[in-house]
């Protein structure tokens, strides 16, 4: 079940981040994740199964640039490779497509996950070495939104 985030989810999502560290996130990113909830939260969703949060991911909007960015995606390690991440990503892409004022979706990821985003339609635009932390490169990817 995909549902909107509530503040009661925050600590369980911090635990989810820790379960994905250091494989997908650097330890330094925990503080950034906490600040995201406190200062940058717009649309954020969780995937819940049998009362446990097994995934999460957000959307941030940049109307002046006519784009949305999907952000802070992660899936519990026990559920990776089972389609949960794909379902959550497609759910958010469909949410973004509802806004006719947007032309593009962006994801900023790493060399560890960019192939996943290619599979759902994102195109790699640029790479910046050690952007997030040493060994965690920025892979900037986009999907254009077709207008009617």
Protein backbone atom coordinates (compact mmCIF):
# COMPACT_ATOMS: atom_id res chain seq x y z
CA UNK A 1 0.00 0.00 0.00
CA UNK A 2 1.36 3.41 -0.99
CA UNK A 3 0.12 6.24 1.19
CA UNK A 4 1.14 9.82 2.07
CA UNK A 5 3.82 10.29 4.71
CA UNK A 6 2.81 11.38 8.21
CA UNK A 7 5.17 12.83 10.84
CA UNK A 8 4.69 9.63 12.87
CA UNK A 9 6.60 7.79 10.10
CA UNK A 10 9.79 9.84 10.43
CA UNK A 11 11.82 7.72 12.86
CA UNK A 12 10.92 4.48 11.08
CA UNK A 13 12.14 6.06 7.83
CA UNK A 14 15.40 7.11 9.50
CA UNK A 15 15.83 3.44 10.43
CA UNK A 16 15.13 2.52 6.80
CA UNK A 17 17.88 4.91 5.70
CA UNK A 18 20.29 3.31 8.17
CA UNK A 19 19.47 -0.14 6.76
CA UNK A 20 20.56 1.18 3.34
CA UNK A 21 23.78 2.73 4.69
CA UNK A 22 26.58 2.38 3.60
CA UNK A 23 25.47 0.39 0.55
CA UNK A 24 23.37 3.18 -1.03
CA UNK A 25 23.85 6.18 1.27
CA UNK A 26 26.80 7.70 3.07
CA UNK A 27 26.55 8.00 6.85
CA UNK A 28 26.72 11.79 6.49
CA UNK A 29 23.38 11.80 4.66
CA UNK A 30 21.29 10.97 7.74
CA UNK A 31 21.36 14.61 8.85
CA UNK A 32 20.37 15.71 5.32
CA UNK A 33 17.44 13.28 5.41
CA UNK A 34 16.27 14.66 8.77
CA UNK A 35 16.54 18.22 7.42
CA UNK A 36 14.55 17.19 4.34
CA UNK A 37 11.58 16.30 6.55
CA UNK A 38 11.92 19.48 8.59
CA UNK A 39 12.59 21.98 5.78
CA UNK A 40 12.03 20.59 2.27
CA UNK A 41 9.11 18.18 2.53
CA UNK A 42 6.43 18.67 -0.14
CA UNK A 43 4.91 15.39 -1.31
CA UNK A 44 6.29 12.26 0.31
CA UNK A 45 4.98 8.72 0.19
CA UNK A 46 5.60 5.51 2.08
CA UNK A 47 5.05 1.92 1.10
CA UNK A 48 3.51 -0.06 3.92
CA UNK A 49 3.12 -3.81 4.10
CA UNK A 50 1.57 -5.56 7.09
CA UNK A 51 2.15 -2.51 9.28
CA UNK A 52 5.83 -2.15 8.37
CA UNK A 53 7.24 0.69 6.27
CA UNK A 54 9.23 -1.00 3.50
CA UNK A 55 9.83 1.93 1.16
CA UNK A 56 9.61 5.66 0.74
CA UNK A 57 10.17 8.45 -1.73
CA UNK A 58 9.27 12.06 -2.32
CA UNK A 59 8.50 14.68 -4.90
CA UNK A 60 9.68 18.27 -4.86
CA UNK A 61 8.30 20.87 -7.25
CA UNK A 62 10.16 23.67 -9.01
CA UNK A 63 7.39 25.54 -10.86
CA UNK A 64 9.67 28.32 -12.12
CA UNK A 65 11.74 25.66 -13.88
CA UNK A 66 8.63 23.66 -14.88
CA UNK A 67 10.02 20.50 -13.30
CA UNK A 68 9.51 18.08 -10.46
CA UNK A 69 12.23 16.08 -8.77
CA UNK A 70 11.76 12.70 -7.18
CA UNK A 71 13.81 12.48 -4.03
CA UNK A 72 14.99 10.34 -1.16
CA UNK A 73 13.92 6.99 -2.57
CA UNK A 74 14.73 3.86 -0.62
CA UNK A 75 13.44 0.36 -0.14
CA UNK A 76 14.02 -1.97 2.81
CA UNK A 77 16.87 -4.35 1.86
CA UNK A 78 14.61 -7.39 2.38
CA UNK A 79 12.22 -6.07 -0.30
CA UNK A 80 14.70 -4.84 -2.92
CA UNK A 81 14.40 -6.53 -6.30
CA UNK A 82 10.71 -7.35 -5.80
CA UNK A 83 9.20 -4.46 -7.76
CA UNK A 84 8.43 -2.24 -4.76
CA UNK A 85 10.76 0.52 -5.93
CA UNK A 86 9.41 0.40 -9.46
CA UNK A 87 5.82 0.61 -8.22
CA UNK A 88 6.65 3.58 -5.98
CA UNK A 89 8.55 5.38 -8.74
CA UNK A 90 5.77 4.88 -11.31
CA UNK A 91 3.22 6.02 -8.73
CA UNK A 92 5.09 9.30 -8.27
CA UNK A 93 5.62 9.78 -12.00
CA UNK A 94 1.85 9.43 -12.44
CA UNK A 95 1.26 11.96 -9.64
CA UNK A 96 3.60 14.43 -11.36
CA UNK A 97 1.93 13.90 -14.74
CA UNK A 98 -1.32 15.25 -13.24
CA UNK A 99 0.25 18.73 -13.16
CA UNK A 100 0.00 20.30 -16.65
CA UNK A 101 2.45 23.06 -15.69
CA UNK A 102 5.44 20.71 -15.55
CA UNK A 103 7.64 19.71 -18.49
CA UNK A 104 10.22 17.44 -16.91
CA UNK A 105 10.95 15.03 -14.06
CA UNK A 106 14.44 14.92 -12.59
CA UNK A 107 16.12 12.40 -10.34
CA UNK A 108 19.50 12.93 -8.73
CA UNK A 109 20.92 9.54 -7.84
CA UNK A 110 24.24 7.70 -7.71
CA UNK A 111 26.17 5.21 -9.77
CA UNK A 112 24.68 2.58 -7.47
CA UNK A 113 21.07 3.14 -8.55
CA UNK A 114 21.04 4.90 -11.91
CA UNK A 115 20.41 1.69 -13.89
CA UNK A 116 17.14 1.28 -11.95
CA UNK A 117 16.00 4.71 -13.13
CA UNK A 118 17.02 3.94 -16.72
CA UNK A 119 14.67 0.96 -16.63
CA UNK A 120 11.71 3.20 -15.77
CA UNK A 121 12.53 5.70 -18.52
CA UNK A 122 15.02 8.24 -17.14
CA UNK A 123 17.93 9.37 -19.35
CA UNK A 124 21.34 10.18 -17.91
CA UNK A 125 22.23 13.84 -18.48
CA UNK A 126 25.41 14.32 -16.44
CA UNK A 127 27.72 12.78 -13.83
CA UNK A 128 29.61 14.58 -11.07
CA UNK A 129 32.18 12.57 -9.12
CA UNK A 130 31.97 12.45 -5.30
CA UNK A 131 28.97 14.81 -5.25
CA UNK A 132 27.09 13.30 -2.29
CA UNK A 133 30.17 12.03 -0.43
CA UNK A 134 33.43 10.33 -1.40
CA UNK A 135 32.51 7.36 -3.60
CA UNK A 136 28.94 8.58 -4.14
CA UNK A 137 28.75 10.27 -7.54
CA UNK A 138 25.83 12.38 -8.76
CA UNK A 139 23.94 10.89 -11.71
CA UNK A 140 21.52 13.56 -12.94
CA UNK A 141 18.70 11.97 -14.93
CA UNK A 142 15.53 13.26 -16.60
CA UNK A 143 12.25 12.24 -18.18
CA UNK A 144 10.48 14.77 -20.42
CA UNK A 145 6.74 15.07 -19.87
CA UNK A 146 4.74 15.14 -23.04
CA UNK A 147 2.19 17.89 -23.26
CA UNK A 148 -1.25 17.26 -24.80
